[in-house]
PDB file of N, CA and C in Angstrom:
ATOM      1  N   MET A   1     -22.037  -7.532  -0.709  1.00  0.00           N
ATOM      2  CA  MET A   1     -20.678  -7.991  -0.745  1.00  0.00           C
ATOM      3  C   MET A   1     -20.333  -6.998  -2.385  1.00  0.00           C
ATOM      4  N   LEU A   2     -19.392  -6.717  -1.954  1.00  0.00           N
ATOM      5  CA  LEU A   2     -18.952  -6.598  -3.498  1.00  0.00           C
ATOM      6  C   LEU A   2     -17.955  -7.548  -4.362  1.00  0.00           C
ATOM      7  N   ASN A   3     -18.063  -7.260  -5.804  1.00  0.00           N
ATOM      8  CA  ASN A   3     -17.168  -8.680  -6.099  1.00  0.00           C
ATOM      9  C   ASN A   3     -16.714  -7.687  -7.037  1.00  0.00           C
ATOM     10  N   VAL A   4     -15.470  -7.220  -7.621  1.00  0.00           N
ATOM     11  CA  VAL A   4     -14.495  -6.889  -7.947  1.00  0.00           C
ATOM     12  C   VAL A   4     -13.252  -7.956  -8.471  1.00  0.00           C
ATOM     13  N   SER A   5     -13.556  -8.834  -8.530  1.00  0.00           N
ATOM     14  CA  SER A   5     -12.435 -10.146  -8.499  1.00  0.00           C
ATOM     15  C   SER A   5     -12.400 -10.000 -10.095  1.00  0.00           C
ATOM     16  N   HIS A   6     -13.175  -9.753 -10.711  1.00  0.00           N
ATOM     17  CA  HIS A   6     -13.034  -9.765 -12.779  1.00  0.00           C
ATOM     18  C   HIS A   6     -12.716  -8.324 -12.988  1.00  0.00           C
ATOM     19  N   ALA A   7     -12.737  -7.577 -11.968  1.00  0.00           N
ATOM     20  CA  ALA A   7     -12.644  -5.690 -12.503  1.00  0.00           C
ATOM     21  C   ALA A   7     -10.965  -5.615 -12.417  1.00  0.00           C
ATOM     22  N   VAL A   8     -10.843  -4.341 -13.298  1.00  0.00           N
ATOM     23  CA  VAL A   8      -9.509  -3.795 -12.928  1.00  0.00           C
ATOM     24  C   VAL A   8      -9.552  -2.434 -11.806  1.00  0.00           C
ATOM     25  N   VAL A   9      -9.039  -2.919 -11.015  1.00  0.00           N
ATOM     26  CA  VAL A   9      -9.450  -1.552 -10.009  1.00  0.00           C
ATOM     27  C   VAL A   9      -8.134  -0.844  -9.320  1.00  0.00           C
ATOM     28  N   GLU A  10      -8.022   0.592  -9.371  1.00  0.00           N
ATOM     29  CA  GLU A  10      -6.716   1.432  -9.502  1.00  0.00           C
ATOM     30  C   GLU A  10      -6.556   1.488  -7.680  1.00  0.00           C
ATOM     31  N   PRO A  11      -5.592   0.996  -7.782  1.00  0.00           N
ATOM     32  CA  PRO A  11      -5.139   0.795  -6.112  1.00  0.00           C
ATOM     33  C   PRO A  11      -5.751   1.763  -4.983  1.00  0.00           C
ATOM     34  N   ALA A  12      -6.182   2.953  -5.637  1.00  0.00           N
ATOM     35  CA  ALA A  12      -6.559   3.937  -4.296  1.00  0.00           C
ATOM     36  C   ALA A  12      -7.899   3.761  -4.527  1.00  0.00           C
ATOM     37  N   ALA A  13      -8.435   3.539  -5.452  1.00  0.00           N
ATOM     38  CA  ALA A  13     -10.005   2.773  -5.054  1.00  0.00           C
ATOM     39  C   ALA A  13     -10.053   1.488  -4.107  1.00  0.00           C
ATOM     40  N   MET A  14      -9.367   0.291  -4.693  1.00  0.00           N
ATOM     41  CA  MET A  14      -9.119   0.039  -3.423  1.00  0.00           C
ATOM     42  C   MET A  14      -8.998   0.017  -2.224  1.00  0.00           C
ATOM     43  N   GLU A  15      -8.159   0.640  -1.926  1.00  0.00           N
ATOM     44  CA  GLU A  15      -7.614   0.821  -0.659  1.00  0.00           C
ATOM     45  C   GLU A  15      -8.832   1.990  -0.090  1.00  0.00           C
ATOM     46  N   GLN A  16      -9.368   2.756  -0.731  1.00  0.00           N
ATOM     47  CA  GLN A  16     -11.010   3.467   0.001  1.00  0.00           C
ATOM     48  C   GLN A  16     -12.127   2.138   0.183  1.00  0.00           C
ATOM     49  N   LEU A  17     -12.148   1.650  -0.807  1.00  0.00           N
ATOM     50  CA  LEU A  17     -13.290   0.357  -0.374  1.00  0.00           C
ATOM     51  C   LEU A  17     -13.031  -0.669   0.884  1.00  0.00           C
ATOM     52  N   ARG A  18     -11.567  -1.093   1.191  1.00  0.00           N
ATOM     53  CA  ARG A  18     -11.234  -1.596   2.353  1.00  0.00           C
ATOM     54  C   ARG A  18     -11.614  -0.599   3.914  1.00  0.00           C
ATOM     55  N   GLU A  19     -10.855   1.101   3.759  1.00  0.00           N
ATOM     56  CA  GLU A  19     -11.341   1.575   4.581  1.00  0.00           C
ATOM     57  C   GLU A  19     -13.188   1.741   4.994  1.00  0.00           C
ATOM     58  N   CYS A  20     -13.662   1.858   4.203  1.00  0.00           N
ATOM     59  CA  CYS A  20     -15.078   1.575   3.838  1.00  0.00           C
ATOM     60  C   CYS A  20     -15.319   0.954   4.556  1.00  0.00           C
ATOM     61  N   SER A  21     -14.946  -0.753   4.527  1.00  0.00           N
ATOM     62  CA  SER A  21     -15.589  -2.099   5.032  1.00  0.00           C
ATOM     63  C   SER A  21     -15.169  -1.554   6.191  1.00  0.00           C
ATOM     64  N   ALA A  22     -13.654  -1.409   6.848  1.00  0.00           N
ATOM     65  CA  ALA A  22     -13.142  -1.465   8.298  1.00  0.00           C
ATOM     66  C   ALA A  22     -13.828  -0.508   9.120  1.00  0.00           C
ATOM     67  N   SER A  23     -14.602   0.717   8.368  1.00  0.00           N
ATOM     68  CA  SER A  23     -15.009   1.216   9.481  1.00  0.00           C
ATOM     69  C   SER A  23     -16.415   1.127   9.267  1.00  0.00           C
ATOM     70  N   HIS A  24     -16.813   0.844   8.833  1.00  0.00           N
ATOM     71  CA  HIS A  24     -18.403   0.381   8.415  1.00  0.00           C
ATOM     72  C   HIS A  24     -19.229   1.666   8.326  1.00  0.00           C
ATOM     73  N   HIS A  25     -18.485   2.640   7.214  1.00  0.00           N
ATOM     74  CA  HIS A  25     -19.187   3.600   6.765  1.00  0.00           C
ATOM     75  C   HIS A  25     -18.553   3.993   5.517  1.00  0.00           C
ATOM     76  N   LEU A  26     -19.582   4.890   4.462  1.00  0.00           N
ATOM     77  CA  LEU A  26     -18.925   4.855   3.046  1.00  0.00           C
ATOM     78  C   LEU A  26     -18.736   6.460   3.056  1.00  0.00           C
ATOM     79  N   PRO A  27     -18.378   6.613   2.084  1.00  0.00           N
ATOM     80  CA  PRO A  27     -17.899   8.164   2.537  1.00  0.00           C
ATOM     81  C   PRO A  27     -18.626   9.007   2.505  1.00  0.00           C
ATOM     82  N   THR A  28     -18.517  10.419   2.817  1.00  0.00           N
ATOM     83  CA  THR A  28     -19.488  11.162   3.381  1.00  0.00           C
ATOM     84  C   THR A  28     -20.362  12.207   1.666  1.00  0.00           C
ATOM     85  N   ALA A  29     -19.301  12.105   1.347  1.00  0.00           N
ATOM     86  CA  ALA A  29     -20.241  12.632  -0.474  1.00  0.00           C
ATOM     87  C   ALA A  29     -21.175  11.318  -0.917  1.00  0.00           C
ATOM     88  N   ILE A  30     -21.368   9.961  -0.325  1.00  0.00           N
ATOM     89  CA  ILE A  30     -21.972   9.145  -0.801  1.00  0.00           C
ATOM     90  C   ILE A  30     -23.258   9.236   0.257  1.00  0.00           C
ATOM     91  N   ASP A  31     -22.616   8.928   1.115  1.00  0.00           N
ATOM     92  CA  ASP A  31     -23.851   9.026   2.734  1.00  0.00           C
ATOM     93  C   ASP A  31     -23.624  10.045   3.613  1.00  0.00           C
ATOM     94  N   PRO A  32     -24.116  11.123   3.283  1.00  0.00           N
ATOM     95  CA  PRO A  32     -24.028  12.341   4.285  1.00  0.00           C
ATOM     96  C   PRO A  32     -24.200  12.192   5.749  1.00  0.00           C
ATOM     97  N   LEU A  33     -25.074  11.018   5.945  1.00  0.00           N
ATOM     98  CA  LEU A  33     -25.653  10.296   7.180  1.00  0.00           C
ATOM     99  C   LEU A  33     -24.475   9.861   7.871  1.00  0.00           C
ATOM    100  N   GLN A  34     -23.719   8.866   7.276  1.00  0.00           N
ATOM    101  CA  GLN A  34     -23.103   8.146   7.862  1.00  0.00           C
ATOM    102  C   GLN A  34     -23.355   7.466   8.823  1.00  0.00           C
ATOM    103  N   SER A  35     -24.794   6.406   7.718  1.00  0.00           N
ATOM    104  CA  SER A  35     -25.205   5.210   8.255  1.00  0.00           C
ATOM    105  C   SER A  35     -24.479   3.657   8.218  1.00  0.00           C
ATOM    106  N   GLU A  36     -24.753   3.347   9.219  1.00  0.00           N
ATOM    107  CA  GLU A  36     -23.558   2.422   9.137  1.00  0.00           C
ATOM    108  C   GLU A  36     -23.781   1.127   8.014  1.00  0.00           C
ATOM    109  N   CYS A  37     -22.697   0.457   7.546  1.00  0.00           N
ATOM    110  CA  CYS A  37     -22.869  -0.428   6.567  1.00  0.00           C
ATOM    111  C   CYS A  37     -22.032  -1.696   6.792  1.00  0.00           C
ATOM    112  N   GLN A  38     -22.791  -3.080   6.208  1.00  0.00           N
ATOM    113  CA  GLN A  38     -21.510  -4.115   6.406  1.00  0.00           C
ATOM    114  C   GLN A  38     -20.621  -3.897   4.780  1.00  0.00           C
ATOM    115  N   LEU A  39     -19.597  -4.210   3.958  1.00  0.00           N
ATOM    116  CA  LEU A  39     -18.981  -4.186   3.286  1.00  0.00           C
ATOM    117  C   LEU A  39     -18.227  -4.759   3.224  1.00  0.00           C
ATOM    118  N   SER A  40     -18.448  -6.123   2.172  1.00  0.00           N
ATOM    119  CA  SER A  40     -17.708  -7.123   2.292  1.00  0.00           C
ATOM    120  C   SER A  40     -17.060  -7.295   0.862  1.00  0.00           C
ATOM    121  N   ILE A  41     -15.610  -7.126   0.832  1.00  0.00           N
ATOM    122  CA  ILE A  41     -15.393  -7.177  -0.610  1.00  0.00           C
ATOM    123  C   ILE A  41     -14.739  -8.139  -1.539  1.00  0.00           C
ATOM    124  N   VAL A  42     -14.580  -8.829  -2.290  1.00  0.00           N
ATOM    125  CA  VAL A  42     -14.031  -9.692  -2.980  1.00  0.00           C
ATOM    126  C   VAL A  42     -13.072  -8.908  -4.264  1.00  0.00           C
ATOM    127  N   ALA A  43     -11.730  -9.302  -3.680  1.00  0.00           N
ATOM    128  CA  ALA A  43     -11.087  -7.970  -4.519  1.00  0.00           C
ATOM    129  C   ALA A  43     -10.260  -8.888  -5.784  1.00  0.00           C
ATOM    130  N   PRO A  44     -10.064  -8.285  -6.742  1.00  0.00           N
ATOM    131  CA  PRO A  44      -9.176  -8.889  -7.858  1.00  0.00           C
ATOM    132  C   PRO A  44      -8.011  -9.388  -7.246  1.00  0.00           C
ATOM    133  N   VAL A  45      -7.874 -10.509  -8.388  1.00  0.00           N
ATOM    134  CA  VAL A  45      -6.362 -11.211  -8.108  1.00  0.00           C
ATOM    135  C   VAL A  45      -5.057 -10.187  -8.071  1.00  0.00           C
ATOM    136  N   GLU A  46      -4.343 -10.340  -7.515  1.00  0.00           N
ATOM    137  CA  GLU A  46      -2.750  -9.173  -8.024  1.00  0.00           C
ATOM    138  C   GLU A  46      -2.378 -10.016  -9.333  1.00  0.00           C
ATOM    139  N   THR A  47      -2.406  -8.935  -9.935  1.00  0.00           N
ATOM    140  CA  THR A  47      -1.859  -8.813 -11.369  1.00  0.00           C
ATOM    141  C   THR A  47      -0.608  -9.037 -11.889  1.00  0.00           C
ATOM    142  N   ALA A  48       0.320  -8.617 -10.273  1.00  0.00           N
ATOM    143  CA  ALA A  48       1.701  -7.625 -10.503  1.00  0.00           C
ATOM    144  C   ALA A  48       2.224  -9.794 -10.537  1.00  0.00           C
ATOM    145  N   ALA A  49       1.931 -10.607  -9.839  1.00  0.00           N
ATOM    146  CA  ALA A  49       2.394 -11.933  -9.683  1.00  0.00           C
ATOM    147  C   ALA A  49       2.579 -12.516 -11.158  1.00  0.00           C
ATOM    148  N   ILE A  50       1.805 -12.174 -11.947  1.00  0.00           N
ATOM    149  CA  ILE A  50       1.192 -13.289 -13.579  1.00  0.00           C
ATOM    150  C   ILE A  50       2.065 -12.592 -14.185  1.00  0.00           C
ATOM    151  N   PRO A  51       2.553 -13.417 -14.875  1.00  0.00           N
ATOM    152  CA  PRO A  51       3.586 -12.833 -15.851  1.00  0.00           C
ATOM    153  C   PRO A  51       2.848 -12.971 -17.455  1.00  0.00           C
ATOM    154  N   ARG A  52       3.242 -11.655 -18.118  1.00  0.00           N
ATOM    155  CA  ARG A  52       2.348 -11.456 -19.531  1.00  0.00           C
ATOM    156  C   ARG A  52       2.989 -11.695 -19.951  1.00  0.00           C
ATOM    157  N   VAL A  53       2.441 -12.284 -21.507  1.00  0.00           N
ATOM    158  CA  VAL A  53       3.211 -12.540 -22.853  1.00  0.00           C
ATOM    159  C   VAL A  53       3.466 -11.511 -23.537  1.00  0.00           C
ATOM    160  N   ARG A  54       4.371 -11.140 -24.114  1.00  0.00           N
ATOM    161  CA  ARG A  54       4.620 -10.565 -25.131  1.00  0.00           C
ATOM    162  C   ARG A  54       4.700 -10.922 -26.444  1.00  0.00           C
ATOM    163  N   ARG A  55       4.597 -10.541 -27.470  1.00  0.00           N
ATOM    164  CA  ARG A  55       4.770 -11.201 -28.620  1.00  0.00           C
ATOM    165  C   ARG A  55       5.157  -9.545 -29.985  1.00  0.00           C
ATOM    166  N   LEU A  56       6.244 -10.442 -30.060  1.00  0.00           N
ATOM    167  CA  LEU A  56       7.302  -9.745 -30.975  1.00  0.00           C
ATOM    168  C   LEU A  56       7.039  -9.823 -32.414  1.00  0.00           C
ATOM    169  N   ALA A  57       6.851  -8.632 -32.820  1.00  0.00           N
ATOM    170  CA  ALA A  57       6.144  -8.137 -34.412  1.00  0.00           C
ATOM    171  C   ALA A  57       7.447  -8.455 -35.329  1.00  0.00           C
ATOM    172  N   ALA A  58       6.829  -9.454 -36.287  1.00  0.00           N
ATOM    173  CA  ALA A  58       8.493  -9.827 -36.734  1.00  0.00           C
ATOM    174  C   ALA A  58       8.543  -8.412 -38.166  1.00  0.00           C
ATOM    175  N   ALA A  59      10.003  -7.597 -38.460  1.00  0.00           N
ATOM    176  CA  ALA A  59      10.015  -6.210 -39.094  1.00  0.00           C
ATOM    177  C   ALA A  59      10.274  -6.720 -40.287  1.00  0.00           C
TER     178      ALA A  59
END
């Protein structure tokens, strides 16, 4: 299991992790022999839906 629930993960990296999970193989650069693996990902919460608090500085 790969828990990245508290990490900031680039969308492209998260997509690659999901592809590895679906194909049951790591990228060939990591595993040239392409051994089968079981990868379970605990993804971070989508932050786009969470409003951010902005503080305005007094001029």
